[in-house]
PDB file of N, CA and C in Angstrom:
ATOM      1  N   UNK A   1       6.346  -8.566 -17.349  1.00  0.00           N
ATOM      2  CA  UNK A   1       6.712  -9.174 -16.204  1.00  0.00           C
ATOM      3  C   UNK A   1       5.297  -9.495 -15.373  1.00  0.00           C
ATOM      4  N   UNK A   2       5.487 -10.652 -14.753  1.00  0.00           N
ATOM      5  CA  UNK A   2       4.086 -10.532 -13.604  1.00  0.00           C
ATOM      6  C   UNK A   2       4.865 -10.266 -12.414  1.00  0.00           C
ATOM      7  N   UNK A   3       4.462  -8.685 -12.104  1.00  0.00           N
ATOM      8  CA  UNK A   3       4.894  -8.399 -10.478  1.00  0.00           C
ATOM      9  C   UNK A   3       4.338  -9.192  -9.281  1.00  0.00           C
ATOM     10  N   UNK A   4       3.115  -9.768  -9.423  1.00  0.00           N
ATOM     11  CA  UNK A   4       2.740 -10.631  -8.543  1.00  0.00           C
ATOM     12  C   UNK A   4       3.459 -11.798  -8.201  1.00  0.00           C
ATOM     13  N   UNK A   5       4.411 -12.540  -9.178  1.00  0.00           N
ATOM     14  CA  UNK A   5       5.021 -13.706  -9.209  1.00  0.00           C
ATOM     15  C   UNK A   5       5.786 -13.866  -8.067  1.00  0.00           C
ATOM     16  N   UNK A   6       5.769 -15.050  -7.356  1.00  0.00           N
ATOM     17  CA  UNK A   6       6.588 -15.054  -5.817  1.00  0.00           C
ATOM     18  C   UNK A   6       8.043 -14.963  -5.953  1.00  0.00           C
ATOM     19  N   UNK A   7       8.658 -15.245  -7.467  1.00  0.00           N
ATOM     20  CA  UNK A   7      10.046 -15.079  -7.492  1.00  0.00           C
ATOM     21  C   UNK A   7      10.381 -13.458  -7.645  1.00  0.00           C
ATOM     22  N   UNK A   8       9.467 -12.833  -8.185  1.00  0.00           N
ATOM     23  CA  UNK A   8       9.615 -11.328  -8.545  1.00  0.00           C
ATOM     24  C   UNK A   8       9.588 -10.768  -7.302  1.00  0.00           C
ATOM     25  N   UNK A   9       8.490 -10.933  -6.591  1.00  0.00           N
ATOM     26  CA  UNK A   9       8.466 -10.362  -5.140  1.00  0.00           C
ATOM     27  C   UNK A   9       9.518 -10.557  -4.282  1.00  0.00           C
ATOM     28  N   UNK A  10      10.202 -11.972  -4.229  1.00  0.00           N
ATOM     29  CA  UNK A  10      11.019 -12.121  -3.556  1.00  0.00           C
ATOM     30  C   UNK A  10      12.411 -11.103  -3.859  1.00  0.00           C
ATOM     31  N   UNK A  11      12.697 -11.177  -5.287  1.00  0.00           N
ATOM     32  CA  UNK A  11      13.772 -10.374  -5.476  1.00  0.00           C
ATOM     33  C   UNK A  11      13.311  -8.823  -5.419  1.00  0.00           C
ATOM     34  N   UNK A  12      12.256  -8.405  -5.760  1.00  0.00           N
ATOM     35  CA  UNK A  12      11.820  -6.892  -5.177  1.00  0.00           C
ATOM     36  C   UNK A  12      11.991  -6.607  -3.814  1.00  0.00           C
ATOM     37  N   UNK A  13      11.949  -7.841  -2.890  1.00  0.00           N
ATOM     38  CA  UNK A  13      11.766  -7.213  -1.396  1.00  0.00           C
ATOM     39  C   UNK A  13      13.332  -7.203  -1.063  1.00  0.00           C
ATOM     40  N   UNK A  14      14.095  -7.926  -1.597  1.00  0.00           N
ATOM     41  CA  UNK A  14      15.484  -7.900  -1.364  1.00  0.00           C
ATOM     42  C   UNK A  14      16.113  -6.655  -2.043  1.00  0.00           C
ATOM     43  N   UNK A  15      15.667  -6.318  -3.011  1.00  0.00           N
ATOM     44  CA  UNK A  15      16.333  -4.829  -3.980  1.00  0.00           C
ATOM     45  C   UNK A  15      15.563  -3.818  -3.016  1.00  0.00           C
ATOM     46  N   UNK A  16      14.544  -3.763  -2.448  1.00  0.00           N
ATOM     47  CA  UNK A  16      14.017  -2.457  -1.684  1.00  0.00           C
ATOM     48  C   UNK A  16      15.153  -2.489  -0.299  1.00  0.00           C
ATOM     49  N   UNK A  17      15.474  -3.681   0.131  1.00  0.00           N
ATOM     50  CA  UNK A  17      16.285  -3.692   1.422  1.00  0.00           C
ATOM     51  C   UNK A  17      17.645  -3.295   1.199  1.00  0.00           C
ATOM     52  N   UNK A  18      18.154  -3.901  -0.033  1.00  0.00           N
ATOM     53  CA  UNK A  18      19.399  -3.227  -0.368  1.00  0.00           C
ATOM     54  C   UNK A  18      19.448  -1.620  -0.637  1.00  0.00           C
ATOM     55  N   UNK A  19      18.310  -1.151  -1.325  1.00  0.00           N
ATOM     56  CA  UNK A  19      18.124   0.348  -1.353  1.00  0.00           C
ATOM     57  C   UNK A  19      17.719   1.174  -0.362  1.00  0.00           C
ATOM     58  N   UNK A  20      17.310   0.422   0.696  1.00  0.00           N
ATOM     59  CA  UNK A  20      16.752   1.255   1.963  1.00  0.00           C
ATOM     60  C   UNK A  20      15.494   1.841   1.483  1.00  0.00           C
ATOM     61  N   UNK A  21      14.517   1.070   0.432  1.00  0.00           N
ATOM     62  CA  UNK A  21      13.269   1.654   0.274  1.00  0.00           C
ATOM     63  C   UNK A  21      12.320   0.921   1.174  1.00  0.00           C
ATOM     64  N   UNK A  22      11.349   1.528   1.840  1.00  0.00           N
ATOM     65  CA  UNK A  22      10.519   0.927   2.675  1.00  0.00           C
ATOM     66  C   UNK A  22       9.347   0.109   1.790  1.00  0.00           C
ATOM     67  N   UNK A  23       9.279  -1.183   2.229  1.00  0.00           N
ATOM     68  CA  UNK A  23       8.642  -2.122   1.786  1.00  0.00           C
ATOM     69  C   UNK A  23       6.916  -1.645   1.231  1.00  0.00           C
ATOM     70  N   UNK A  24       6.512  -0.492   1.934  1.00  0.00           N
ATOM     71  CA  UNK A  24       5.557   0.028   1.573  1.00  0.00           C
ATOM     72  C   UNK A  24       5.295   0.575   0.514  1.00  0.00           C
ATOM     73  N   UNK A  25       6.638   0.922  -0.205  1.00  0.00           N
ATOM     74  CA  UNK A  25       6.546   1.619  -1.460  1.00  0.00           C
ATOM     75  C   UNK A  25       7.025   0.741  -2.667  1.00  0.00           C
ATOM     76  N   UNK A  26       6.915  -0.502  -2.442  1.00  0.00           N
ATOM     77  CA  UNK A  26       7.432  -1.728  -3.366  1.00  0.00           C
ATOM     78  C   UNK A  26       6.116  -1.259  -4.675  1.00  0.00           C
ATOM     79  N   UNK A  27       5.153  -1.005  -4.571  1.00  0.00           N
ATOM     80  CA  UNK A  27       4.218  -0.878  -5.656  1.00  0.00           C
ATOM     81  C   UNK A  27       4.524   0.315  -6.751  1.00  0.00           C
ATOM     82  N   UNK A  28       5.359   1.159  -6.194  1.00  0.00           N
ATOM     83  CA  UNK A  28       5.848   2.220  -6.999  1.00  0.00           C
ATOM     84  C   UNK A  28       6.981   1.795  -8.126  1.00  0.00           C
ATOM     85  N   UNK A  29       7.740   0.497  -7.794  1.00  0.00           N
ATOM     86  CA  UNK A  29       8.544   0.066  -8.652  1.00  0.00           C
ATOM     87  C   UNK A  29       7.782  -0.729  -9.936  1.00  0.00           C
ATOM     88  N   UNK A  30       6.351  -1.311  -9.393  1.00  0.00           N
ATOM     89  CA  UNK A  30       5.836  -2.184 -10.541  1.00  0.00           C
ATOM     90  C   UNK A  30       5.962  -1.798 -11.968  1.00  0.00           C
ATOM     91  N   UNK A  31       5.570  -0.491 -12.104  1.00  0.00           N
ATOM     92  CA  UNK A  31       5.491   0.035 -13.474  1.00  0.00           C
ATOM     93  C   UNK A  31       6.843  -0.042 -14.261  1.00  0.00           C
ATOM     94  N   UNK A  32       7.830   0.129 -13.762  1.00  0.00           N
ATOM     95  CA  UNK A  32       9.087   0.018 -14.310  1.00  0.00           C
ATOM     96  C   UNK A  32       9.425  -1.316 -14.528  1.00  0.00           C
ATOM     97  N   UNK A  33       9.125  -2.550 -13.747  1.00  0.00           N
ATOM     98  CA  UNK A  33       9.010  -3.914 -13.910  1.00  0.00           C
ATOM     99  C   UNK A  33       8.477  -4.548 -14.963  1.00  0.00           C
ATOM    100  N   UNK A  34       7.221  -3.788 -15.073  1.00  0.00           N
ATOM    101  CA  UNK A  34       6.260  -4.126 -16.198  1.00  0.00           C
ATOM    102  C   UNK A  34       6.702  -3.945 -17.687  1.00  0.00           C
ATOM    103  N   UNK A  35       7.769  -2.908 -17.756  1.00  0.00           N
ATOM    104  CA  UNK A  35       8.228  -2.321 -18.850  1.00  0.00           C
ATOM    105  C   UNK A  35       9.672  -2.125 -18.719  1.00  0.00           C
ATOM    106  N   UNK A  36      10.505  -3.409 -18.511  1.00  0.00           N
ATOM    107  CA  UNK A  36      11.927  -3.102 -18.102  1.00  0.00           C
ATOM    108  C   UNK A  36      12.674  -2.800 -19.103  1.00  0.00           C
ATOM    109  N   UNK A  37      12.285  -2.562 -20.397  1.00  0.00           N
ATOM    110  CA  UNK A  37      13.371  -1.865 -21.401  1.00  0.00           C
ATOM    111  C   UNK A  37      12.672  -0.559 -21.736  1.00  0.00           C
ATOM    112  N   UNK A  38      11.763  -0.145 -21.185  1.00  0.00           N
ATOM    113  CA  UNK A  38      10.990   1.325 -21.873  1.00  0.00           C
ATOM    114  C   UNK A  38      11.913   2.631 -21.066  1.00  0.00           C
ATOM    115  N   UNK A  39      11.110   3.434 -21.369  1.00  0.00           N
ATOM    116  CA  UNK A  39      11.677   4.749 -20.811  1.00  0.00           C
ATOM    117  C   UNK A  39      11.443   4.739 -19.381  1.00  0.00           C
ATOM    118  N   UNK A  40      12.304   5.163 -18.566  1.00  0.00           N
ATOM    119  CA  UNK A  40      11.815   5.458 -17.228  1.00  0.00           C
ATOM    120  C   UNK A  40      11.960   6.779 -16.563  1.00  0.00           C
ATOM    121  N   UNK A  41      11.448   7.431 -15.872  1.00  0.00           N
ATOM    122  CA  UNK A  41      11.409   8.800 -15.809  1.00  0.00           C
ATOM    123  C   UNK A  41      12.655   9.060 -14.877  1.00  0.00           C
ATOM    124  N   UNK A  42      13.295  10.332 -15.053  1.00  0.00           N
ATOM    125  CA  UNK A  42      14.404  10.639 -14.367  1.00  0.00           C
ATOM    126  C   UNK A  42      13.969  11.063 -13.026  1.00  0.00           C
ATOM    127  N   UNK A  43      15.072  11.681 -12.327  1.00  0.00           N
ATOM    128  CA  UNK A  43      14.896  12.345 -11.153  1.00  0.00           C
ATOM    129  C   UNK A  43      14.471  13.644 -11.554  1.00  0.00           C
ATOM    130  N   UNK A  44      13.542  14.374 -10.783  1.00  0.00           N
ATOM    131  CA  UNK A  44      13.068  15.637 -11.227  1.00  0.00           C
ATOM    132  C   UNK A  44      14.088  16.823 -10.393  1.00  0.00           C
ATOM    133  N   UNK A  45      14.444  16.517  -9.439  1.00  0.00           N
ATOM    134  CA  UNK A  45      15.270  17.300  -8.640  1.00  0.00           C
ATOM    135  C   UNK A  45      14.261  17.835  -7.469  1.00  0.00           C
ATOM    136  N   UNK A  46      13.215  17.766  -7.554  1.00  0.00           N
ATOM    137  CA  UNK A  46      12.157  18.284  -6.733  1.00  0.00           C
ATOM    138  C   UNK A  46      12.253  17.544  -5.163  1.00  0.00           C
ATOM    139  N   UNK A  47      12.926  16.844  -4.534  1.00  0.00           N
ATOM    140  CA  UNK A  47      13.146  16.353  -3.381  1.00  0.00           C
ATOM    141  C   UNK A  47      11.899  15.168  -3.094  1.00  0.00           C
ATOM    142  N   UNK A  48      11.486  14.638  -4.115  1.00  0.00           N
ATOM    143  CA  UNK A  48      10.175  13.844  -4.091  1.00  0.00           C
ATOM    144  C   UNK A  48      10.558  12.371  -3.206  1.00  0.00           C
ATOM    145  N   UNK A  49       9.629  11.835  -2.559  1.00  0.00           N
ATOM    146  CA  UNK A  49       9.803  10.749  -1.769  1.00  0.00           C
ATOM    147  C   UNK A  49       8.775   9.740  -2.166  1.00  0.00           C
ATOM    148  N   UNK A  50       8.898   8.641  -2.798  1.00  0.00           N
ATOM    149  CA  UNK A  50      10.434   8.360  -3.110  1.00  0.00           C
ATOM    150  C   UNK A  50      10.840   9.048  -4.577  1.00  0.00           C
ATOM    151  N   UNK A  51      12.108   9.112  -4.653  1.00  0.00           N
ATOM    152  CA  UNK A  51      12.562   9.798  -5.830  1.00  0.00           C
ATOM    153  C   UNK A  51      12.561   8.799  -7.033  1.00  0.00           C
ATOM    154  N   UNK A  52      12.606   9.153  -8.212  1.00  0.00           N
ATOM    155  CA  UNK A  52      12.454   8.438  -9.297  1.00  0.00           C
ATOM    156  C   UNK A  52      13.854   7.746  -9.416  1.00  0.00           C
ATOM    157  N   UNK A  53      14.864   8.346  -9.271  1.00  0.00           N
ATOM    158  CA  UNK A  53      16.196   7.380  -9.184  1.00  0.00           C
ATOM    159  C   UNK A  53      15.952   6.244  -8.334  1.00  0.00           C
ATOM    160  N   UNK A  54      15.850   6.399  -7.227  1.00  0.00           N
ATOM    161  CA  UNK A  54      15.734   5.251  -6.223  1.00  0.00           C
ATOM    162  C   UNK A  54      14.822   4.205  -6.644  1.00  0.00           C
ATOM    163  N   UNK A  55      13.520   4.443  -7.145  1.00  0.00           N
ATOM    164  CA  UNK A  55      12.777   3.385  -7.811  1.00  0.00           C
ATOM    165  C   UNK A  55      13.389   2.945  -8.816  1.00  0.00           C
ATOM    166  N   UNK A  56      14.060   3.606  -9.799  1.00  0.00           N
ATOM    167  CA  UNK A  56      15.013   3.061 -10.700  1.00  0.00           C
ATOM    168  C   UNK A  56      16.062   2.143 -10.285  1.00  0.00           C
ATOM    169  N   UNK A  57      16.828   2.616  -9.347  1.00  0.00           N
ATOM    170  CA  UNK A  57      17.838   1.591  -8.627  1.00  0.00           C
ATOM    171  C   UNK A  57      17.249   0.280  -8.303  1.00  0.00           C
ATOM    172  N   UNK A  58      15.981   0.294  -7.662  1.00  0.00           N
ATOM    173  CA  UNK A  58      15.186  -0.776  -6.979  1.00  0.00           C
ATOM    174  C   UNK A  58      15.130  -1.739  -8.205  1.00  0.00           C
ATOM    175  N   UNK A  59      14.269  -1.196  -9.402  1.00  0.00           N
ATOM    176  CA  UNK A  59      14.248  -1.854 -10.330  1.00  0.00           C
ATOM    177  C   UNK A  59      15.393  -2.605 -11.288  1.00  0.00           C
ATOM    178  N   UNK A  60      16.216  -1.800 -11.405  1.00  0.00           N
ATOM    179  CA  UNK A  60      17.460  -2.480 -11.770  1.00  0.00           C
ATOM    180  C   UNK A  60      18.042  -3.415 -10.806  1.00  0.00           C
ATOM    181  N   UNK A  61      18.062  -3.194  -9.689  1.00  0.00           N
ATOM    182  CA  UNK A  61      18.705  -4.418  -8.960  1.00  0.00           C
ATOM    183  C   UNK A  61      17.687  -5.677  -8.967  1.00  0.00           C
ATOM    184  N   UNK A  62      16.565  -5.391  -8.744  1.00  0.00           N
ATOM    185  CA  UNK A  62      15.531  -6.448  -8.930  1.00  0.00           C
ATOM    186  C   UNK A  62      15.779  -7.624 -10.190  1.00  0.00           C
ATOM    187  N   UNK A  63      15.887  -6.553 -11.124  1.00  0.00           N
ATOM    188  CA  UNK A  63      15.981  -7.128 -12.715  1.00  0.00           C
ATOM    189  C   UNK A  63      17.383  -8.088 -12.575  1.00  0.00           C
ATOM    190  N   UNK A  64      18.247  -7.447 -11.882  1.00  0.00           N
ATOM    191  CA  UNK A  64      19.619  -8.202 -11.875  1.00  0.00           C
ATOM    192  C   UNK A  64      19.483  -9.331 -10.873  1.00  0.00           C
ATOM    193  N   UNK A  65      18.696  -9.532  -9.933  1.00  0.00           N
ATOM    194  CA  UNK A  65      18.560 -10.491  -8.992  1.00  0.00           C
ATOM    195  C   UNK A  65      17.590 -11.796  -9.727  1.00  0.00           C
ATOM    196  N   UNK A  66      16.742 -11.202 -10.811  1.00  0.00           N
ATOM    197  CA  UNK A  66      15.991 -11.999 -11.388  1.00  0.00           C
ATOM    198  C   UNK A  66      16.985 -12.796 -12.533  1.00  0.00           C
ATOM    199  N   UNK A  67      18.144 -12.328 -12.775  1.00  0.00           N
ATOM    200  CA  UNK A  67      18.909 -12.670 -14.018  1.00  0.00           C
ATOM    201  C   UNK A  67      18.699 -12.258 -15.258  1.00  0.00           C
ATOM    202  N   UNK A  68      17.601 -11.113 -15.288  1.00  0.00           N
ATOM    203  CA  UNK A  68      17.307 -10.323 -16.550  1.00  0.00           C
ATOM    204  C   UNK A  68      17.674  -8.984 -16.377  1.00  0.00           C
ATOM    205  N   UNK A  69      19.077  -8.567 -16.551  1.00  0.00           N
ATOM    206  CA  UNK A  69      19.462  -7.381 -16.331  1.00  0.00           C
ATOM    207  C   UNK A  69      18.929  -6.313 -17.477  1.00  0.00           C
ATOM    208  N   UNK A  70      18.626  -5.038 -17.001  1.00  0.00           N
ATOM    209  CA  UNK A  70      17.921  -4.092 -17.949  1.00  0.00           C
ATOM    210  C   UNK A  70      19.142  -4.156 -19.125  1.00  0.00           C
ATOM    211  N   UNK A  71      18.610  -4.015 -20.181  1.00  0.00           N
ATOM    212  CA  UNK A  71      19.535  -3.574 -21.585  1.00  0.00           C
ATOM    213  C   UNK A  71      19.520  -2.415 -21.992  1.00  0.00           C
ATOM    214  N   UNK A  72      18.269  -1.671 -21.908  1.00  0.00           N
ATOM    215  CA  UNK A  72      18.101  -0.478 -22.413  1.00  0.00           C
ATOM    216  C   UNK A  72      18.970   0.410 -21.768  1.00  0.00           C
ATOM    217  N   UNK A  73      19.390   1.744 -22.197  1.00  0.00           N
ATOM    218  CA  UNK A  73      19.930   2.781 -21.469  1.00  0.00           C
ATOM    219  C   UNK A  73      19.384   2.984 -19.977  1.00  0.00           C
ATOM    220  N   UNK A  74      20.665   2.667 -19.192  1.00  0.00           N
ATOM    221  CA  UNK A  74      20.131   2.825 -17.825  1.00  0.00           C
ATOM    222  C   UNK A  74      19.973   4.489 -17.405  1.00  0.00           C
ATOM    223  N   UNK A  75      19.214   4.430 -16.423  1.00  0.00           N
ATOM    224  CA  UNK A  75      18.836   6.266 -16.186  1.00  0.00           C
ATOM    225  C   UNK A  75      20.363   6.668 -15.350  1.00  0.00           C
ATOM    226  N   UNK A  76      20.311   7.774 -15.728  1.00  0.00           N
ATOM    227  CA  UNK A  76      21.644   8.842 -15.137  1.00  0.00           C
ATOM    228  C   UNK A  76      21.568   8.483 -13.439  1.00  0.00           C
ATOM    229  N   UNK A  77      22.692   8.150 -12.902  1.00  0.00           N
ATOM    230  CA  UNK A  77      22.612   8.117 -11.666  1.00  0.00           C
ATOM    231  C   UNK A  77      23.862   8.165 -10.968  1.00  0.00           C
TER     232      UNK A  77
END
């Protein structure tokens, strides 16, 4: 997926707003969008910001907005 595509960027902006993820952290979601059916890292429980589960939530929402929902197992959440 071309994460620089205007349609992808618009969906990602909306997903970030929906999840409360600051726009400055959008780039952290790019690896997940580039490999939408790959293995995504789970939350480590270490209180990281941004949390891997938040990034996964944003990626899942972005894919839904694009009409290409994730079909691989969703991360626990």
